[in-house]
Amino acid sequence: MTITELYEKLAEKDFQDYLTGNLFFPAYMYLYDPEKEYEIDQEILNIKKPTPSALQLP
């Protein structure tokens, strides 16, 4: 699972609804290979940056 896929999963309304049983605790742990820490950090920073399509008005 990539960071982008993780972000999309966490954003799903069904995932956030505790009644579905997808989330039993108000936290989600994502384990990754420590050797990829810099790569993971960069992916997280990229999620925080708005994309040009996200800046367009509807």
PDB file of N, CA and C in Angstrom:
ATOM      1  N   MET A   1       0.853  -1.179   0.000  1.00  0.00           N
ATOM      2  CA  MET A   1       0.000   0.000   0.000  1.00  0.00           C
ATOM      3  C   MET A   1       0.892   1.233   0.000  1.00  0.00           C
ATOM      4  N   THR A   2       0.596   2.140  -0.882  1.00  0.00           N
ATOM      5  CA  THR A   2       1.349   3.393  -0.930  1.00  0.00           C
ATOM      6  C   THR A   2       0.724   4.395   0.037  1.00  0.00           C
ATOM      7  N   ILE A   3       1.414   5.480   0.279  1.00  0.00           N
ATOM      8  CA  ILE A   3       0.887   6.532   1.147  1.00  0.00           C
ATOM      9  C   ILE A   3      -0.373   7.123   0.529  1.00  0.00           C
ATOM     10  N   THR A   4      -0.388   7.302  -0.774  1.00  0.00           N
ATOM     11  CA  THR A   4      -1.566   7.834  -1.452  1.00  0.00           C
ATOM     12  C   THR A   4      -2.759   6.898  -1.269  1.00  0.00           C
ATOM     13  N   GLU A   5      -2.532   5.598  -1.408  1.00  0.00           N
ATOM     14  CA  GLU A   5      -3.605   4.627  -1.195  1.00  0.00           C
ATOM     15  C   GLU A   5      -4.078   4.646   0.260  1.00  0.00           C
ATOM     16  N   LEU A   6      -3.148   4.796   1.184  1.00  0.00           N
ATOM     17  CA  LEU A   6      -3.497   4.893   2.597  1.00  0.00           C
ATOM     18  C   LEU A   6      -4.363   6.125   2.844  1.00  0.00           C
ATOM     19  N   TYR A   7      -3.962   7.260   2.286  1.00  0.00           N
ATOM     20  CA  TYR A   7      -4.712   8.506   2.435  1.00  0.00           C
ATOM     21  C   TYR A   7      -6.130   8.343   1.899  1.00  0.00           C
ATOM     22  N   GLU A   8      -6.257   7.718   0.727  1.00  0.00           N
ATOM     23  CA  GLU A   8      -7.570   7.503   0.126  1.00  0.00           C
ATOM     24  C   GLU A   8      -8.427   6.588   1.002  1.00  0.00           C
ATOM     25  N   LYS A   9      -7.819   5.559   1.565  1.00  0.00           N
ATOM     26  CA  LYS A   9      -8.546   4.648   2.458  1.00  0.00           C
ATOM     27  C   LYS A   9      -9.042   5.384   3.698  1.00  0.00           C
ATOM     28  N   LEU A  10      -8.187   6.184   4.298  1.00  0.00           N
ATOM     29  CA  LEU A  10      -8.573   6.925   5.498  1.00  0.00           C
ATOM     30  C   LEU A  10      -9.655   7.961   5.206  1.00  0.00           C
ATOM     31  N   ALA A  11      -9.719   8.447   3.970  1.00  0.00           N
ATOM     32  CA  ALA A  11     -10.701   9.454   3.588  1.00  0.00           C
ATOM     33  C   ALA A  11     -12.075   8.861   3.281  1.00  0.00           C
ATOM     34  N   GLU A  12     -12.161   7.549   3.094  1.00  0.00           N
ATOM     35  CA  GLU A  12     -13.441   6.918   2.785  1.00  0.00           C
ATOM     36  C   GLU A  12     -14.407   7.048   3.960  1.00  0.00           C
ATOM     37  N   LYS A  13     -15.621   7.491   3.670  1.00  0.00           N
ATOM     38  CA  LYS A  13     -16.632   7.670   4.725  1.00  0.00           C
ATOM     39  C   LYS A  13     -16.969   6.334   5.385  1.00  0.00           C
ATOM     40  N   ASP A  14     -17.027   5.242   4.593  1.00  0.00           N
ATOM     41  CA  ASP A  14     -17.305   3.931   5.179  1.00  0.00           C
ATOM     42  C   ASP A  14     -16.208   3.502   6.144  1.00  0.00           C
ATOM     43  N   PHE A  15     -14.970   3.818   5.821  1.00  0.00           N
ATOM     44  CA  PHE A  15     -13.857   3.458   6.715  1.00  0.00           C
ATOM     45  C   PHE A  15     -13.963   4.236   8.026  1.00  0.00           C
ATOM     46  N   GLN A  16     -14.369   5.490   7.941  1.00  0.00           N
ATOM     47  CA  GLN A  16     -14.455   6.336   9.126  1.00  0.00           C
ATOM     48  C   GLN A  16     -15.651   5.999  10.010  1.00  0.00           C
ATOM     49  N   ASP A  17     -16.647   5.337   9.462  1.00  0.00           N
ATOM     50  CA  ASP A  17     -17.847   4.985  10.220  1.00  0.00           C
ATOM     51  C   ASP A  17     -17.550   3.769  11.101  1.00  0.00           C
ATOM     52  N   TYR A  18     -17.525   3.962  12.384  1.00  0.00           N
ATOM     53  CA  TYR A  18     -17.168   2.872  13.305  1.00  0.00           C
ATOM     54  C   TYR A  18     -18.175   1.726  13.263  1.00  0.00           C
ATOM     55  N   LEU A  19     -19.378   1.987  12.785  1.00  0.00           N
ATOM     56  CA  LEU A  19     -20.392   0.935  12.731  1.00  0.00           C
ATOM     57  C   LEU A  19     -20.092  -0.124  11.672  1.00  0.00           C
ATOM     58  N   THR A  20     -19.219   0.191  10.709  1.00  0.00           N
ATOM     59  CA  THR A  20     -18.872  -0.786   9.675  1.00  0.00           C
ATOM     60  C   THR A  20     -17.896  -1.828  10.190  1.00  0.00           C
ATOM     61  N   GLY A  21     -17.213  -1.535  11.275  1.00  0.00           N
ATOM     62  CA  GLY A  21     -16.234  -2.474  11.822  1.00  0.00           C
ATOM     63  C   GLY A  21     -14.873  -2.368  11.169  1.00  0.00           C
ATOM     64  N   ASN A  22     -14.678  -1.387  10.288  1.00  0.00           N
ATOM     65  CA  ASN A  22     -13.378  -1.222   9.628  1.00  0.00           C
ATOM     66  C   ASN A  22     -12.352  -0.541  10.519  1.00  0.00           C
ATOM     67  N   LEU A  23     -12.829   0.179  11.507  1.00  0.00           N
ATOM     68  CA  LEU A  23     -11.930   0.914  12.386  1.00  0.00           C
ATOM     69  C   LEU A  23     -12.431   0.750  13.816  1.00  0.00           C
ATOM     70  N   PHE A  24     -11.689   0.015  14.641  1.00  0.00           N
ATOM     71  CA  PHE A  24     -12.116  -0.263  16.004  1.00  0.00           C
ATOM     72  C   PHE A  24     -11.536   0.716  17.018  1.00  0.00           C
ATOM     73  N   PHE A  25     -10.569   1.487  16.618  1.00  0.00           N
ATOM     74  CA  PHE A  25      -9.871   2.396  17.516  1.00  0.00           C
ATOM     75  C   PHE A  25      -9.625   3.677  16.737  1.00  0.00           C
ATOM     76  N   PRO A  26      -9.682   4.847  17.361  1.00  0.00           N
ATOM     77  CA  PRO A  26      -9.551   6.091  16.608  1.00  0.00           C
ATOM     78  C   PRO A  26      -8.115   6.387  16.149  1.00  0.00           C
ATOM     79  N   ALA A  27      -7.444   5.368  15.687  1.00  0.00           N
ATOM     80  CA  ALA A  27      -6.096   5.527  15.148  1.00  0.00           C
ATOM     81  C   ALA A  27      -5.853   4.399  14.161  1.00  0.00           C
ATOM     82  N   TYR A  28      -5.009   4.645  13.189  1.00  0.00           N
ATOM     83  CA  TYR A  28      -4.677   3.633  12.197  1.00  0.00           C
ATOM     84  C   TYR A  28      -3.164   3.575  12.109  1.00  0.00           C
ATOM     85  N   MET A  29      -2.599   2.389  12.281  1.00  0.00           N
ATOM     86  CA  MET A  29      -1.145   2.239  12.234  1.00  0.00           C
ATOM     87  C   MET A  29      -0.727   1.743  10.859  1.00  0.00           C
ATOM     88  N   TYR A  30       0.253   2.399  10.315  1.00  0.00           N
ATOM     89  CA  TYR A  30       0.790   2.032   9.008  1.00  0.00           C
ATOM     90  C   TYR A  30       2.263   1.691   9.205  1.00  0.00           C
ATOM     91  N   LEU A  31       2.603   0.445   9.005  1.00  0.00           N
ATOM     92  CA  LEU A  31       3.989   0.004   9.182  1.00  0.00           C
ATOM     93  C   LEU A  31       4.704   0.031   7.841  1.00  0.00           C
ATOM     94  N   TYR A  32       5.943   0.460   7.872  1.00  0.00           N
ATOM     95  CA  TYR A  32       6.742   0.509   6.653  1.00  0.00           C
ATOM     96  C   TYR A  32       8.179   0.133   6.980  1.00  0.00           C
ATOM     97  N   ASP A  33       8.893  -0.218   5.942  1.00  0.00           N
ATOM     98  CA  ASP A  33      10.299  -0.594   6.069  1.00  0.00           C
ATOM     99  C   ASP A  33      11.105   0.639   6.497  1.00  0.00           C
ATOM    100  N   PRO A  34      11.831   0.592   7.608  1.00  0.00           N
ATOM    101  CA  PRO A  34      12.604   1.751   8.071  1.00  0.00           C
ATOM    102  C   PRO A  34      13.585   2.285   7.023  1.00  0.00           C
ATOM    103  N   GLU A  35      14.029   1.424   6.129  1.00  0.00           N
ATOM    104  CA  GLU A  35      14.944   1.884   5.087  1.00  0.00           C
ATOM    105  C   GLU A  35      14.258   2.824   4.101  1.00  0.00           C
ATOM    106  N   LYS A  36      12.923   2.828   4.090  1.00  0.00           N
ATOM    107  CA  LYS A  36      12.173   3.687   3.177  1.00  0.00           C
ATOM    108  C   LYS A  36      11.616   4.933   3.876  1.00  0.00           C
ATOM    109  N   GLU A  37      12.155   5.252   5.039  1.00  0.00           N
ATOM    110  CA  GLU A  37      11.613   6.360   5.823  1.00  0.00           C
ATOM    111  C   GLU A  37      11.628   7.682   5.058  1.00  0.00           C
ATOM    112  N   TYR A  38      12.724   8.006   4.384  1.00  0.00           N
ATOM    113  CA  TYR A  38      12.804   9.259   3.633  1.00  0.00           C
ATOM    114  C   TYR A  38      11.755   9.274   2.517  1.00  0.00           C
ATOM    115  N   GLU A  39      11.605   8.157   1.825  1.00  0.00           N
ATOM    116  CA  GLU A  39      10.620   8.049   0.737  1.00  0.00           C
ATOM    117  C   GLU A  39       9.194   8.242   1.280  1.00  0.00           C
ATOM    118  N   ILE A  40       8.906   7.640   2.402  1.00  0.00           N
ATOM    119  CA  ILE A  40       7.587   7.772   3.032  1.00  0.00           C
ATOM    120  C   ILE A  40       7.348   9.221   3.443  1.00  0.00           C
ATOM    121  N   ASP A  41       8.339   9.858   4.046  1.00  0.00           N
ATOM    122  CA  ASP A  41       8.221  11.269   4.434  1.00  0.00           C
ATOM    123  C   ASP A  41       7.898  12.140   3.229  1.00  0.00           C
ATOM    124  N   GLN A  42       8.565  11.892   2.107  1.00  0.00           N
ATOM    125  CA  GLN A  42       8.331  12.676   0.896  1.00  0.00           C
ATOM    126  C   GLN A  42       6.907  12.460   0.371  1.00  0.00           C
ATOM    127  N   GLU A  43       6.430  11.240   0.414  1.00  0.00           N
ATOM    128  CA  GLU A  43       5.064  10.955  -0.035  1.00  0.00           C
ATOM    129  C   GLU A  43       4.043  11.689   0.829  1.00  0.00           C
ATOM    130  N   ILE A  44       4.281  11.705   2.140  1.00  0.00           N
ATOM    131  CA  ILE A  44       3.371  12.413   3.046  1.00  0.00           C
ATOM    132  C   ILE A  44       3.382  13.906   2.745  1.00  0.00           C
ATOM    133  N   LEU A  45       4.544  14.473   2.506  1.00  0.00           N
ATOM    134  CA  LEU A  45       4.635  15.891   2.168  1.00  0.00           C
ATOM    135  C   LEU A  45       3.921  16.182   0.852  1.00  0.00           C
ATOM    136  N   ASN A  46       4.000  15.260  -0.106  1.00  0.00           N
ATOM    137  CA  ASN A  46       3.325  15.458  -1.386  1.00  0.00           C
ATOM    138  C   ASN A  46       1.814  15.456  -1.231  1.00  0.00           C
ATOM    139  N   ILE A  47       1.291  14.678  -0.303  1.00  0.00           N
ATOM    140  CA  ILE A  47      -0.149  14.671  -0.054  1.00  0.00           C
ATOM    141  C   ILE A  47      -0.590  16.025   0.479  1.00  0.00           C
ATOM    142  N   LYS A  48       0.246  16.651   1.284  1.00  0.00           N
ATOM    143  CA  LYS A  48      -0.103  17.933   1.878  1.00  0.00           C
ATOM    144  C   LYS A  48      -0.115  19.069   0.863  1.00  0.00           C
ATOM    145  N   LYS A  49       0.590  18.905  -0.272  1.00  0.00           N
ATOM    146  CA  LYS A  49       0.634  19.939  -1.300  1.00  0.00           C
ATOM    147  C   LYS A  49      -0.626  19.871  -2.152  1.00  0.00           C
ATOM    148  N   PRO A  50      -1.298  21.004  -2.350  1.00  0.00           N
ATOM    149  CA  PRO A  50      -2.486  20.964  -3.206  1.00  0.00           C
ATOM    150  C   PRO A  50      -2.093  20.745  -4.672  1.00  0.00           C
ATOM    151  N   THR A  51      -2.896  19.962  -5.348  1.00  0.00           N
ATOM    152  CA  THR A  51      -2.666  19.717  -6.768  1.00  0.00           C
ATOM    153  C   THR A  51      -3.370  20.815  -7.568  1.00  0.00           C
ATOM    154  N   PRO A  52      -2.933  21.068  -8.793  1.00  0.00           N
ATOM    155  CA  PRO A  52      -3.604  22.096  -9.608  1.00  0.00           C
ATOM    156  C   PRO A  52      -5.105  21.834  -9.770  1.00  0.00           C
ATOM    157  N   SER A  53      -5.503  20.563  -9.915  1.00  0.00           N
ATOM    158  CA  SER A  53      -6.923  20.253 -10.074  1.00  0.00           C
ATOM    159  C   SER A  53      -7.701  20.555  -8.788  1.00  0.00           C
ATOM    160  N   ALA A  54      -7.060  20.423  -7.650  1.00  0.00           N
ATOM    161  CA  ALA A  54      -7.723  20.688  -6.380  1.00  0.00           C
ATOM    162  C   ALA A  54      -7.943  22.202  -6.172  1.00  0.00           C
ATOM    163  N   LEU A  55      -7.154  23.006  -6.879  1.00  0.00           N
ATOM    164  CA  LEU A  55      -7.273  24.450  -6.737  1.00  0.00           C
ATOM    165  C   LEU A  55      -8.323  25.044  -7.665  1.00  0.00           C
ATOM    166  N   GLN A  56      -8.829  24.280  -8.613  1.00  0.00           N
ATOM    167  CA  GLN A  56      -9.828  24.787  -9.548  1.00  0.00           C
ATOM    168  C   GLN A  56     -11.178  24.900  -8.852  1.00  0.00           C
ATOM    169  N   LEU A  57     -11.887  25.967  -9.182  1.00  0.00           N
ATOM    170  CA  LEU A  57     -13.221  26.167  -8.621  1.00  0.00           C
ATOM    171  C   LEU A  57     -14.215  25.290  -9.370  1.00  0.00           C
ATOM    172  N   PRO A  58     -15.237  24.791  -8.675  1.00  0.00           N
ATOM    173  CA  PRO A  58     -16.241  23.926  -9.342  1.00  0.00           C
ATOM    174  C   PRO A  58     -17.072  24.676 -10.351  1.00  0.00           C
TER     175      PRO A  58
END
